[in-house]
Each structure stands twice: as C-alpha cells, then as structure tokens.
Amino acid sequence: MEWRFIMIGLACLMGIYLVGTVLFRPFKFLIRLAAWMLLGGVLLMAINTVFGNFGLHIAINPVTILTAGVLQLPGLVLLVLVNYLIM
C-alpha cells in the first residue's frame, strides 16, 4: 500500500513538472521577445538621435523595432541600407 502511494505521488510530481515546462516555454519566449523589442527601440532611438543631424531617420514601428532587436547590429545596418535605397 505504501509503494502505491509513493508511485502515485511521483507520477503526480512528474505530471506537474511536465505541465509547468510546457506552459513556461511560451512565456519565456514572450519575455525574450519583449526584451528584444525594448533593445531594438533603444538602438533605433540612439541611431535617430546621433545621425538625425545628417538626415538619417529610421521610422520606429514594430517591424523595425523587432528587426533591430533580434538582429542587433546587422539589423541596424540592414535598416540603414534599406533607408538609403528607398530614399
């Protein structure tokens, strides 16, 4: 009788662990995505502040923020090149 309770308890703990990891992974990704967006916004504001006197202005919207945040420096270079090609 004791072994059955121990096995049921271990199975419940394993189930709680599996459900917790399955539910936490998307939340962890959303937190990282928010941090990337914050970093992208800061990088874009810095580029616009520093190079604004030279006529370089990159629009700050969700697409450019994600590009600058996820790709970081190569993303900023990409946005600057796209800005020069379009303008």
N, C-alpha and C. Protein backbone atom coordinates (compact mmCIF):
# COMPACT_ATOMS: atom_id res chain seq x y z
N MET A 1 0.82 -1.18 0.00
CA MET A 1 0.00 0.00 0.00
C MET A 1 0.87 1.26 0.00
N GLU A 2 2.00 1.24 0.70
CA GLU A 2 2.87 2.40 0.74
C GLU A 2 3.51 2.68 -0.60
N TRP A 3 3.93 1.62 -1.28
CA TRP A 3 4.59 1.80 -2.58
C TRP A 3 3.65 2.41 -3.61
N ARG A 4 2.39 2.05 -3.53
CA ARG A 4 1.42 2.59 -4.47
C ARG A 4 1.28 4.11 -4.27
N PHE A 5 1.24 4.57 -3.03
CA PHE A 5 1.14 5.99 -2.75
C PHE A 5 2.41 6.73 -3.19
N ILE A 6 3.53 6.10 -3.00
CA ILE A 6 4.79 6.70 -3.42
C ILE A 6 4.83 6.83 -4.94
N MET A 7 4.41 5.81 -5.65
CA MET A 7 4.42 5.85 -7.12
C MET A 7 3.40 6.87 -7.64
N ILE A 8 2.23 6.94 -7.02
CA ILE A 8 1.22 7.93 -7.42
C ILE A 8 1.75 9.34 -7.17
N GLY A 9 2.40 9.55 -6.04
CA GLY A 9 2.98 10.85 -5.72
C GLY A 9 4.07 11.24 -6.71
N LEU A 10 4.95 10.29 -7.06
CA LEU A 10 5.99 10.58 -8.05
C LEU A 10 5.41 10.86 -9.43
N ALA A 11 4.36 10.12 -9.80
CA ALA A 11 3.71 10.37 -11.09
C ALA A 11 3.05 11.75 -11.10
N CYS A 12 2.45 12.15 -10.00
CA CYS A 12 1.85 13.49 -9.92
C CYS A 12 2.91 14.58 -10.01
N LEU A 13 4.03 14.38 -9.33
CA LEU A 13 5.11 15.35 -9.41
C LEU A 13 5.66 15.46 -10.83
N MET A 14 5.79 14.33 -11.51
CA MET A 14 6.27 14.34 -12.89
C MET A 14 5.27 15.05 -13.80
N GLY A 15 3.99 14.82 -13.58
CA GLY A 15 2.96 15.49 -14.37
C GLY A 15 2.98 16.99 -14.14
N ILE A 16 3.13 17.42 -12.89
CA ILE A 16 3.20 18.86 -12.59
C ILE A 16 4.43 19.48 -13.25
N TYR A 17 5.54 18.76 -13.23
CA TYR A 17 6.76 19.25 -13.87
C TYR A 17 6.57 19.39 -15.38
N LEU A 18 5.98 18.39 -16.02
CA LEU A 18 5.77 18.44 -17.47
C LEU A 18 4.81 19.54 -17.86
N VAL A 19 3.72 19.70 -17.13
CA VAL A 19 2.75 20.76 -17.43
C VAL A 19 3.41 22.13 -17.21
N GLY A 20 4.20 22.26 -16.17
CA GLY A 20 4.88 23.53 -15.89
C GLY A 20 5.86 23.91 -16.99
N THR A 21 6.63 22.95 -17.48
CA THR A 21 7.59 23.26 -18.55
C THR A 21 6.88 23.58 -19.85
N VAL A 22 5.80 22.88 -20.14
CA VAL A 22 5.06 23.14 -21.38
C VAL A 22 4.43 24.53 -21.33
N LEU A 23 3.94 24.95 -20.20
CA LEU A 23 3.31 26.26 -20.09
C LEU A 23 4.33 27.39 -19.94
N PHE A 24 5.53 27.11 -19.44
CA PHE A 24 6.51 28.15 -19.18
C PHE A 24 7.31 28.51 -20.42
N ARG A 25 7.50 27.60 -21.36
CA ARG A 25 8.32 27.88 -22.55
C ARG A 25 7.75 29.01 -23.40
N PRO A 26 6.46 29.04 -23.72
CA PRO A 26 5.96 30.19 -24.49
C PRO A 26 6.07 31.50 -23.71
N PHE A 27 5.88 31.46 -22.41
CA PHE A 27 6.01 32.65 -21.58
C PHE A 27 7.45 33.15 -21.60
N LYS A 28 8.40 32.24 -21.55
CA LYS A 28 9.82 32.58 -21.60
C LYS A 28 10.16 33.23 -22.95
N PHE A 29 9.59 32.70 -24.04
CA PHE A 29 9.82 33.28 -25.36
C PHE A 29 9.23 34.69 -25.45
N LEU A 30 8.06 34.90 -24.88
CA LEU A 30 7.44 36.22 -24.91
C LEU A 30 8.25 37.24 -24.11
N ILE A 31 8.84 36.80 -23.00
CA ILE A 31 9.69 37.69 -22.22
C ILE A 31 10.93 38.07 -23.02
N ARG A 32 11.55 37.10 -23.69
CA ARG A 32 12.72 37.39 -24.53
C ARG A 32 12.33 38.32 -25.68
N LEU A 33 11.18 38.10 -26.29
CA LEU A 33 10.73 38.94 -27.39
C LEU A 33 10.51 40.38 -26.91
N ALA A 34 9.95 40.54 -25.74
CA ALA A 34 9.75 41.88 -25.17
C ALA A 34 11.09 42.55 -24.89
N ALA A 35 12.06 41.80 -24.40
CA ALA A 35 13.39 42.36 -24.15
C ALA A 35 14.06 42.75 -25.45
N TRP A 36 13.90 41.93 -26.50
CA TRP A 36 14.47 42.27 -27.81
C TRP A 36 13.83 43.53 -28.37
N MET A 37 12.51 43.67 -28.19
CA MET A 37 11.83 44.86 -28.68
C MET A 37 12.29 46.10 -27.93
N LEU A 38 12.50 45.98 -26.64
CA LEU A 38 13.00 47.11 -25.85
C LEU A 38 14.39 47.50 -26.32
N LEU A 39 15.25 46.52 -26.52
CA LEU A 39 16.60 46.79 -27.01
C LEU A 39 16.56 47.41 -28.41
N GLY A 40 15.70 46.91 -29.28
CA GLY A 40 15.57 47.47 -30.61
C GLY A 40 15.10 48.91 -30.59
N GLY A 41 14.15 49.21 -29.73
CA GLY A 41 13.68 50.59 -29.61
C GLY A 41 14.76 51.53 -29.13
N VAL A 42 15.55 51.07 -28.16
CA VAL A 42 16.65 51.90 -27.65
C VAL A 42 17.69 52.11 -28.74
N LEU A 43 18.02 51.06 -29.48
CA LEU A 43 19.01 51.19 -30.56
C LEU A 43 18.51 52.14 -31.65
N LEU A 44 17.25 52.03 -32.02
CA LEU A 44 16.72 52.93 -33.05
C LEU A 44 16.68 54.38 -32.58
N MET A 45 16.31 54.61 -31.33
CA MET A 45 16.32 55.97 -30.81
C MET A 45 17.73 56.53 -30.78
N ALA A 46 18.72 55.69 -30.44
CA ALA A 46 20.10 56.14 -30.42
C ALA A 46 20.58 56.50 -31.82
N ILE A 47 20.26 55.65 -32.80
CA ILE A 47 20.64 55.94 -34.19
C ILE A 47 19.97 57.22 -34.68
N ASN A 48 18.69 57.39 -34.39
CA ASN A 48 17.98 58.60 -34.82
C ASN A 48 18.53 59.84 -34.13
N THR A 49 18.94 59.73 -32.88
CA THR A 49 19.49 60.87 -32.16
C THR A 49 20.87 61.25 -32.69
N VAL A 50 21.72 60.26 -32.87
CA VAL A 50 23.10 60.53 -33.28
C VAL A 50 23.16 60.99 -34.74
N PHE A 51 22.47 60.29 -35.61
CA PHE A 51 22.57 60.58 -37.04
C PHE A 51 21.42 61.43 -37.57
N GLY A 52 20.59 61.96 -36.70
CA GLY A 52 19.48 62.80 -37.13
C GLY A 52 19.96 64.09 -37.78
N ASN A 53 21.10 64.60 -37.33
CA ASN A 53 21.64 65.83 -37.92
C ASN A 53 22.13 65.61 -39.35
N PHE A 54 22.43 64.38 -39.71
CA PHE A 54 22.91 64.07 -41.05
C PHE A 54 21.78 63.66 -41.99
N GLY A 55 20.56 63.76 -41.54
CA GLY A 55 19.41 63.44 -42.38
C GLY A 55 18.99 61.98 -42.34
N LEU A 56 19.56 61.18 -41.45
CA LEU A 56 19.19 59.77 -41.35
C LEU A 56 18.11 59.63 -40.29
N HIS A 57 16.97 59.17 -40.72
CA HIS A 57 15.86 58.93 -39.78
C HIS A 57 15.22 57.60 -40.15
N ILE A 58 15.20 56.70 -39.20
CA ILE A 58 14.56 55.40 -39.38
C ILE A 58 13.27 55.41 -38.57
N ALA A 59 12.18 55.08 -39.22
CA ALA A 59 10.88 55.06 -38.54
C ALA A 59 10.88 54.02 -37.43
N ILE A 60 10.25 54.37 -36.34
CA ILE A 60 10.16 53.45 -35.21
C ILE A 60 8.76 52.86 -35.22
N ASN A 61 8.68 51.59 -35.64
CA ASN A 61 7.42 50.84 -35.64
C ASN A 61 7.74 49.40 -35.22
N PRO A 62 6.75 48.56 -35.00
CA PRO A 62 7.03 47.21 -34.50
C PRO A 62 7.97 46.39 -35.40
N VAL A 63 7.88 46.56 -36.71
CA VAL A 63 8.74 45.78 -37.61
C VAL A 63 10.19 46.20 -37.48
N THR A 64 10.45 47.51 -37.47
CA THR A 64 11.83 47.98 -37.34
C THR A 64 12.39 47.71 -35.95
N ILE A 65 11.53 47.80 -34.95
CA ILE A 65 11.99 47.50 -33.58
C ILE A 65 12.39 46.03 -33.46
N LEU A 66 11.58 45.12 -34.01
CA LEU A 66 11.93 43.70 -33.96
C LEU A 66 13.17 43.41 -34.80
N THR A 67 13.30 44.05 -35.95
CA THR A 67 14.49 43.83 -36.78
C THR A 67 15.74 44.29 -36.05
N ALA A 68 15.70 45.46 -35.45
CA ALA A 68 16.85 45.98 -34.73
C ALA A 68 17.11 45.20 -33.45
N GLY A 69 16.07 44.71 -32.81
CA GLY A 69 16.24 43.99 -31.56
C GLY A 69 16.73 42.57 -31.74
N VAL A 70 16.18 41.86 -32.70
CA VAL A 70 16.55 40.46 -32.90
C VAL A 70 17.90 40.36 -33.59
N LEU A 71 18.11 41.15 -34.64
CA LEU A 71 19.36 41.07 -35.39
C LEU A 71 20.46 41.96 -34.84
N GLN A 72 20.13 42.89 -33.99
CA GLN A 72 21.01 43.85 -33.34
C GLN A 72 21.82 44.66 -34.35
N LEU A 73 23.13 44.64 -34.32
CA LEU A 73 23.93 45.50 -35.19
C LEU A 73 23.71 45.19 -36.68
N PRO A 74 23.70 43.92 -37.11
CA PRO A 74 23.39 43.68 -38.52
C PRO A 74 21.99 44.15 -38.91
N GLY A 75 21.05 44.09 -38.00
CA GLY A 75 19.71 44.58 -38.27
C GLY A 75 19.69 46.09 -38.45
N LEU A 76 20.49 46.81 -37.63
CA LEU A 76 20.58 48.26 -37.79
C LEU A 76 21.21 48.62 -39.13
N VAL A 77 22.27 47.89 -39.51
CA VAL A 77 22.90 48.14 -40.80
C VAL A 77 21.91 47.87 -41.92
N LEU A 78 21.14 46.80 -41.80
CA LEU A 78 20.12 46.48 -42.80
C LEU A 78 19.09 47.60 -42.91
N LEU A 79 18.64 48.12 -41.78
CA LEU A 79 17.65 49.19 -41.81
C LEU A 79 18.22 50.47 -42.41
N VAL A 80 19.48 50.77 -42.12
CA VAL A 80 20.12 51.95 -42.69
C VAL A 80 20.25 51.79 -44.20
N LEU A 81 20.67 50.60 -44.66
CA LEU A 81 20.81 50.36 -46.10
C LEU A 81 19.45 50.43 -46.82
N VAL A 82 18.44 49.87 -46.21
CA VAL A 82 17.10 49.95 -46.81
C VAL A 82 16.63 51.39 -46.86
N ASN A 83 16.94 52.16 -45.82
CA ASN A 83 16.56 53.57 -45.81
C ASN A 83 17.26 54.32 -46.93
N TYR A 84 18.55 54.07 -47.16
CA TYR A 84 19.27 54.73 -48.25
C TYR A 84 18.79 54.27 -49.61
N LEU A 85 18.44 52.99 -49.76
CA LEU A 85 17.97 52.51 -51.06
C LEU A 85 16.60 53.06 -51.40
N ILE A 86 15.74 53.22 -50.42
CA ILE A 86 14.40 53.72 -50.68
C ILE A 86 14.41 55.24 -50.85
N MET A 87 15.18 55.93 -50.06
CA MET A 87 15.22 57.39 -50.14
C MET A 87 16.17 57.74 -51.25
